[in-house]
């Protein structure tokens, strides 16, 4: 299953996951504004990964 993901896919997934975890740590430590700011990065990172996949698939066609 993991062989179908490229190194870029894995790196972006880890970046999004770490952003989510760091955001939760900040939130529970009382820094809510910083946590919300970093939490907004998660969908942006994942959307960037989707964009890269689309661009790569267009090149291969």
PDB file of N, CA and C in Angstrom:
ATOM      1  N   UNK A   1       0.822  -1.198   0.000  1.00  0.00           N
ATOM      2  CA  UNK A   1       0.000   0.000   0.000  1.00  0.00           C
ATOM      3  C   UNK A   1       0.865   1.259   0.000  1.00  0.00           C
ATOM      4  N   UNK A   2       1.912   1.289   0.815  1.00  0.00           N
ATOM      5  CA  UNK A   2       2.739   2.490   0.885  1.00  0.00           C
ATOM      6  C   UNK A   2       3.609   2.679  -0.350  1.00  0.00           C
ATOM      7  N   UNK A   3       3.768   1.641  -1.160  1.00  0.00           N
ATOM      8  CA  UNK A   3       4.605   1.761  -2.351  1.00  0.00           C
ATOM      9  C   UNK A   3       3.971   2.638  -3.417  1.00  0.00           C
ATOM     10  N   UNK A   4       2.660   2.847  -3.339  1.00  0.00           N
ATOM     11  CA  UNK A   4       2.009   3.682  -4.342  1.00  0.00           C
ATOM     12  C   UNK A   4       2.174   5.177  -4.064  1.00  0.00           C
ATOM     13  N   UNK A   5       2.733   5.522  -2.897  1.00  0.00           N
ATOM     14  CA  UNK A   5       2.991   6.919  -2.557  1.00  0.00           C
ATOM     15  C   UNK A   5       4.451   7.247  -2.840  1.00  0.00           C
ATOM     16  N   UNK A   6       4.677   8.396  -3.436  1.00  0.00           N
ATOM     17  CA  UNK A   6       6.047   8.819  -3.709  1.00  0.00           C
ATOM     18  C   UNK A   6       6.638   9.454  -2.452  1.00  0.00           C
ATOM     19  N   UNK A   7       7.920   9.740  -2.525  1.00  0.00           N
ATOM     20  CA  UNK A   7       8.594  10.371  -1.383  1.00  0.00           C
ATOM     21  C   UNK A   7       7.998  11.750  -1.106  1.00  0.00           C
ATOM     22  N   UNK A   8       7.602  12.461  -2.141  1.00  0.00           N
ATOM     23  CA  UNK A   8       6.985  13.777  -1.967  1.00  0.00           C
ATOM     24  C   UNK A   8       5.650  13.662  -1.251  1.00  0.00           C
ATOM     25  N   UNK A   9       4.866  12.657  -1.620  1.00  0.00           N
ATOM     26  CA  UNK A   9       3.576  12.440  -0.962  1.00  0.00           C
ATOM     27  C   UNK A   9       3.757  12.172   0.526  1.00  0.00           C
ATOM     28  N   UNK A  10       4.713  11.321   0.838  1.00  0.00           N
ATOM     29  CA  UNK A  10       4.978  10.990   2.239  1.00  0.00           C
ATOM     30  C   UNK A  10       5.463  12.205   3.020  1.00  0.00           C
ATOM     31  N   UNK A  11       6.338  12.988   2.398  1.00  0.00           N
ATOM     32  CA  UNK A  11       6.869  14.182   3.063  1.00  0.00           C
ATOM     33  C   UNK A  11       5.765  15.196   3.349  1.00  0.00           C
ATOM     34  N   UNK A  12       4.880  15.414   2.394  1.00  0.00           N
ATOM     35  CA  UNK A  12       3.787  16.369   2.598  1.00  0.00           C
ATOM     36  C   UNK A  12       2.805  15.865   3.652  1.00  0.00           C
ATOM     37  N   UNK A  13       2.555  14.551   3.678  1.00  0.00           N
ATOM     38  CA  UNK A  13       1.667  13.990   4.687  1.00  0.00           C
ATOM     39  C   UNK A  13       2.279  14.144   6.082  1.00  0.00           C
ATOM     40  N   UNK A  14       3.568  13.886   6.211  1.00  0.00           N
ATOM     41  CA  UNK A  14       4.238  14.050   7.509  1.00  0.00           C
ATOM     42  C   UNK A  14       4.219  15.514   7.928  1.00  0.00           C
ATOM     43  N   UNK A  15       4.437  16.433   6.986  1.00  0.00           N
ATOM     44  CA  UNK A  15       4.404  17.863   7.310  1.00  0.00           C
ATOM     45  C   UNK A  15       3.022  18.282   7.798  1.00  0.00           C
ATOM     46  N   UNK A  16       1.976  17.800   7.142  1.00  0.00           N
ATOM     47  CA  UNK A  16       0.618  18.137   7.567  1.00  0.00           C
ATOM     48  C   UNK A  16       0.314  17.533   8.932  1.00  0.00           C
ATOM     49  N   UNK A  17       0.746  16.296   9.165  1.00  0.00           N
ATOM     50  CA  UNK A  17       0.499  15.641  10.445  1.00  0.00           C
ATOM     51  C   UNK A  17       1.244  16.350  11.577  1.00  0.00           C
ATOM     52  N   UNK A  18       2.493  16.719  11.349  1.00  0.00           N
ATOM     53  CA  UNK A  18       3.259  17.429  12.376  1.00  0.00           C
ATOM     54  C   UNK A  18       2.662  18.808  12.659  1.00  0.00           C
ATOM     55  N   UNK A  19       2.160  19.450  11.635  1.00  0.00           N
ATOM     56  CA  UNK A  19       1.504  20.744  11.823  1.00  0.00           C
ATOM     57  C   UNK A  19       0.263  20.596  12.699  1.00  0.00           C
ATOM     58  N   UNK A  20      -0.501  19.543  12.463  1.00  0.00           N
ATOM     59  CA  UNK A  20      -1.685  19.281  13.267  1.00  0.00           C
ATOM     60  C   UNK A  20      -1.315  19.006  14.723  1.00  0.00           C
ATOM     61  N   UNK A  21      -0.319  18.171  14.940  1.00  0.00           N
ATOM     62  CA  UNK A  21       0.107  17.841  16.304  1.00  0.00           C
ATOM     63  C   UNK A  21       0.635  19.077  17.015  1.00  0.00           C
ATOM     64  N   UNK A  22       1.471  19.859  16.345  1.00  0.00           N
ATOM     65  CA  UNK A  22       2.017  21.071  16.959  1.00  0.00           C
ATOM     66  C   UNK A  22       0.915  22.066  17.281  1.00  0.00           C
ATOM     67  N   UNK A  23      -0.076  22.161  16.410  1.00  0.00           N
ATOM     68  CA  UNK A  23      -1.207  23.047  16.656  1.00  0.00           C
ATOM     69  C   UNK A  23      -1.978  22.619  17.909  1.00  0.00           C
ATOM     70  N   UNK A  24      -2.188  21.322  18.063  1.00  0.00           N
ATOM     71  CA  UNK A  24      -2.903  20.829  19.242  1.00  0.00           C
ATOM     72  C   UNK A  24      -2.104  21.060  20.516  1.00  0.00           C
ATOM     73  N   UNK A  25      -0.797  20.892  20.439  1.00  0.00           N
ATOM     74  CA  UNK A  25       0.050  21.144  21.614  1.00  0.00           C
ATOM     75  C   UNK A  25      -0.054  22.606  22.020  1.00  0.00           C
ATOM     76  N   UNK A  26       0.018  23.499  21.048  1.00  0.00           N
ATOM     77  CA  UNK A  26      -0.102  24.924  21.360  1.00  0.00           C
ATOM     78  C   UNK A  26      -1.471  25.256  21.943  1.00  0.00           C
ATOM     79  N   UNK A  27      -2.507  24.654  21.393  1.00  0.00           N
ATOM     80  CA  UNK A  27      -3.864  24.938  21.863  1.00  0.00           C
ATOM     81  C   UNK A  27      -4.040  24.529  23.320  1.00  0.00           C
ATOM     82  N   UNK A  28      -3.560  23.339  23.671  1.00  0.00           N
ATOM     83  CA  UNK A  28      -3.725  22.867  25.041  1.00  0.00           C
ATOM     84  C   UNK A  28      -2.771  23.541  26.020  1.00  0.00           C
ATOM     85  N   UNK A  29      -1.771  24.242  25.507  1.00  0.00           N
ATOM     86  CA  UNK A  29      -0.904  25.041  26.370  1.00  0.00           C
ATOM     87  C   UNK A  29      -1.409  26.469  26.518  1.00  0.00           C
ATOM     88  N   UNK A  30      -2.560  26.768  25.948  1.00  0.00           N
ATOM     89  CA  UNK A  30      -3.187  28.070  26.138  1.00  0.00           C
ATOM     90  C   UNK A  30      -2.874  29.107  25.078  1.00  0.00           C
ATOM     91  N   UNK A  31      -2.111  28.763  24.076  1.00  0.00           N
ATOM     92  CA  UNK A  31      -1.781  29.710  23.010  1.00  0.00           C
ATOM     93  C   UNK A  31      -2.722  29.482  21.833  1.00  0.00           C
ATOM     94  N   UNK A  32      -3.970  29.903  22.028  1.00  0.00           N
ATOM     95  CA  UNK A  32      -5.008  29.564  21.054  1.00  0.00           C
ATOM     96  C   UNK A  32      -4.822  30.256  19.704  1.00  0.00           C
ATOM     97  N   UNK A  33      -4.405  31.510  19.705  1.00  0.00           N
ATOM     98  CA  UNK A  33      -4.232  32.215  18.427  1.00  0.00           C
ATOM     99  C   UNK A  33      -3.137  31.578  17.582  1.00  0.00           C
ATOM    100  N   UNK A  34      -2.022  31.230  18.209  1.00  0.00           N
ATOM    101  CA  UNK A  34      -0.942  30.571  17.478  1.00  0.00           C
ATOM    102  C   UNK A  34      -1.381  29.199  16.982  1.00  0.00           C
ATOM    103  N   UNK A  35      -2.143  28.488  17.799  1.00  0.00           N
ATOM    104  CA  UNK A  35      -2.614  27.158  17.425  1.00  0.00           C
ATOM    105  C   UNK A  35      -3.545  27.221  16.225  1.00  0.00           C
ATOM    106  N   UNK A  36      -4.424  28.194  16.204  1.00  0.00           N
ATOM    107  CA  UNK A  36      -5.340  28.341  15.072  1.00  0.00           C
ATOM    108  C   UNK A  36      -4.566  28.697  13.807  1.00  0.00           C
ATOM    109  N   UNK A  37      -3.583  29.572  13.943  1.00  0.00           N
ATOM    110  CA  UNK A  37      -2.772  29.968  12.789  1.00  0.00           C
ATOM    111  C   UNK A  37      -2.051  28.764  12.192  1.00  0.00           C
ATOM    112  N   UNK A  38      -1.438  27.943  13.024  1.00  0.00           N
ATOM    113  CA  UNK A  38      -0.716  26.773  12.529  1.00  0.00           C
ATOM    114  C   UNK A  38      -1.689  25.696  12.073  1.00  0.00           C
ATOM    115  N   UNK A  39      -2.841  25.595  12.702  1.00  0.00           N
ATOM    116  CA  UNK A  39      -3.837  24.612  12.286  1.00  0.00           C
ATOM    117  C   UNK A  39      -4.375  24.877  10.894  1.00  0.00           C
ATOM    118  N   UNK A  40      -4.355  26.120  10.473  1.00  0.00           N
ATOM    119  CA  UNK A  40      -4.818  26.469   9.123  1.00  0.00           C
ATOM    120  C   UNK A  40      -3.843  25.948   8.066  1.00  0.00           C
ATOM    121  N   UNK A  41      -2.603  25.660   8.447  1.00  0.00           N
ATOM    122  CA  UNK A  41      -1.621  25.161   7.493  1.00  0.00           C
ATOM    123  C   UNK A  41      -1.966  23.767   6.992  1.00  0.00           C
ATOM    124  N   UNK A  42      -2.642  22.961   7.795  1.00  0.00           N
ATOM    125  CA  UNK A  42      -2.885  21.558   7.444  1.00  0.00           C
ATOM    126  C   UNK A  42      -3.625  21.417   6.114  1.00  0.00           C
ATOM    127  N   UNK A  43      -4.783  22.038   5.932  1.00  0.00           N
ATOM    128  CA  UNK A  43      -5.441  21.884   4.631  1.00  0.00           C
ATOM    129  C   UNK A  43      -4.659  22.529   3.494  1.00  0.00           C
ATOM    130  N   UNK A  44      -3.886  23.558   3.803  1.00  0.00           N
ATOM    131  CA  UNK A  44      -3.079  24.187   2.761  1.00  0.00           C
ATOM    132  C   UNK A  44      -1.976  23.246   2.278  1.00  0.00           C
ATOM    133  N   UNK A  45      -1.332  22.559   3.194  1.00  0.00           N
ATOM    134  CA  UNK A  45      -0.278  21.610   2.832  1.00  0.00           C
ATOM    135  C   UNK A  45      -0.867  20.468   2.014  1.00  0.00           C
ATOM    136  N   UNK A  46      -2.005  19.934   2.458  1.00  0.00           N
ATOM    137  CA  UNK A  46      -2.631  18.838   1.728  1.00  0.00           C
ATOM    138  C   UNK A  46      -3.116  19.287   0.343  1.00  0.00           C
ATOM    139  N   UNK A  47      -3.637  20.495   0.243  1.00  0.00           N
ATOM    140  CA  UNK A  47      -4.069  21.013  -1.061  1.00  0.00           C
ATOM    141  C   UNK A  47      -2.875  21.198  -1.993  1.00  0.00           C
ATOM    142  N   UNK A  48      -1.752  21.619  -1.450  1.00  0.00           N
ATOM    143  CA  UNK A  48      -0.547  21.759  -2.262  1.00  0.00           C
ATOM    144  C   UNK A  48      -0.094  20.402  -2.786  1.00  0.00           C
ATOM    145  N   UNK A  49      -0.216  19.361  -1.968  1.00  0.00           N
ATOM    146  CA  UNK A  49       0.109  18.010  -2.415  1.00  0.00           C
ATOM    147  C   UNK A  49      -0.788  17.550  -3.541  1.00  0.00           C
ATOM    148  N   UNK A  50      -2.076  17.857  -3.440  1.00  0.00           N
ATOM    149  CA  UNK A  50      -3.011  17.510  -4.518  1.00  0.00           C
ATOM    150  C   UNK A  50      -2.657  18.267  -5.791  1.00  0.00           C
ATOM    151  N   UNK A  51      -2.307  19.520  -5.653  1.00  0.00           N
ATOM    152  CA  UNK A  51      -1.907  20.327  -6.807  1.00  0.00           C
ATOM    153  C   UNK A  51      -0.684  19.716  -7.495  1.00  0.00           C
ATOM    154  N   UNK A  52       0.302  19.307  -6.700  1.00  0.00           N
ATOM    155  CA  UNK A  52       1.494  18.696  -7.288  1.00  0.00           C
ATOM    156  C   UNK A  52       1.153  17.401  -8.017  1.00  0.00           C
ATOM    157  N   UNK A  53       0.243  16.605  -7.446  1.00  0.00           N
ATOM    158  CA  UNK A  53      -0.186  15.369  -8.108  1.00  0.00           C
ATOM    159  C   UNK A  53      -0.863  15.669  -9.442  1.00  0.00           C
ATOM    160  N   UNK A  54      -1.721  16.690  -9.477  1.00  0.00           N
ATOM    161  CA  UNK A  54      -2.407  17.045 -10.718  1.00  0.00           C
ATOM    162  C   UNK A  54      -1.440  17.532 -11.782  1.00  0.00           C
ATOM    163  N   UNK A  55      -0.484  18.354 -11.392  1.00  0.00           N
ATOM    164  CA  UNK A  55       0.501  18.858 -12.339  1.00  0.00           C
ATOM    165  C   UNK A  55       1.336  17.709 -12.886  1.00  0.00           C
ATOM    166  N   UNK A  56       1.719  16.786 -11.997  1.00  0.00           N
ATOM    167  CA  UNK A  56       2.532  15.643 -12.422  1.00  0.00           C
ATOM    168  C   UNK A  56       1.742  14.723 -13.357  1.00  0.00           C
ATOM    169  N   UNK A  57       0.473  14.542 -13.100  1.00  0.00           N
ATOM    170  CA  UNK A  57      -0.326  13.659 -13.964  1.00  0.00           C
ATOM    171  C   UNK A  57      -0.561  14.304 -15.331  1.00  0.00           C
ATOM    172  N   UNK A  58      -0.653  15.614 -15.391  1.00  0.00           N
ATOM    173  CA  UNK A  58      -0.812  16.306 -16.680  1.00  0.00           C
ATOM    174  C   UNK A  58       0.460  16.179 -17.522  1.00  0.00           C
ATOM    175  N   UNK A  59       1.635  16.192 -16.863  1.00  0.00           N
ATOM    176  CA  UNK A  59       2.887  16.050 -17.589  1.00  0.00           C
ATOM    177  C   UNK A  59       3.034  14.661 -18.184  1.00  0.00           C
ATOM    178  N   UNK A  60       2.508  13.658 -17.491  1.00  0.00           N
ATOM    179  CA  UNK A  60       2.638  12.275 -17.951  1.00  0.00           C
ATOM    180  C   UNK A  60       1.677  11.923 -19.075  1.00  0.00           C
ATOM    181  N   UNK A  61       0.675  12.747 -19.305  1.00  0.00           N
ATOM    182  CA  UNK A  61      -0.308  12.465 -20.377  1.00  0.00           C
ATOM    183  C   UNK A  61       0.191  12.823 -21.729  1.00  0.00           C
TER     184      UNK A  61
END
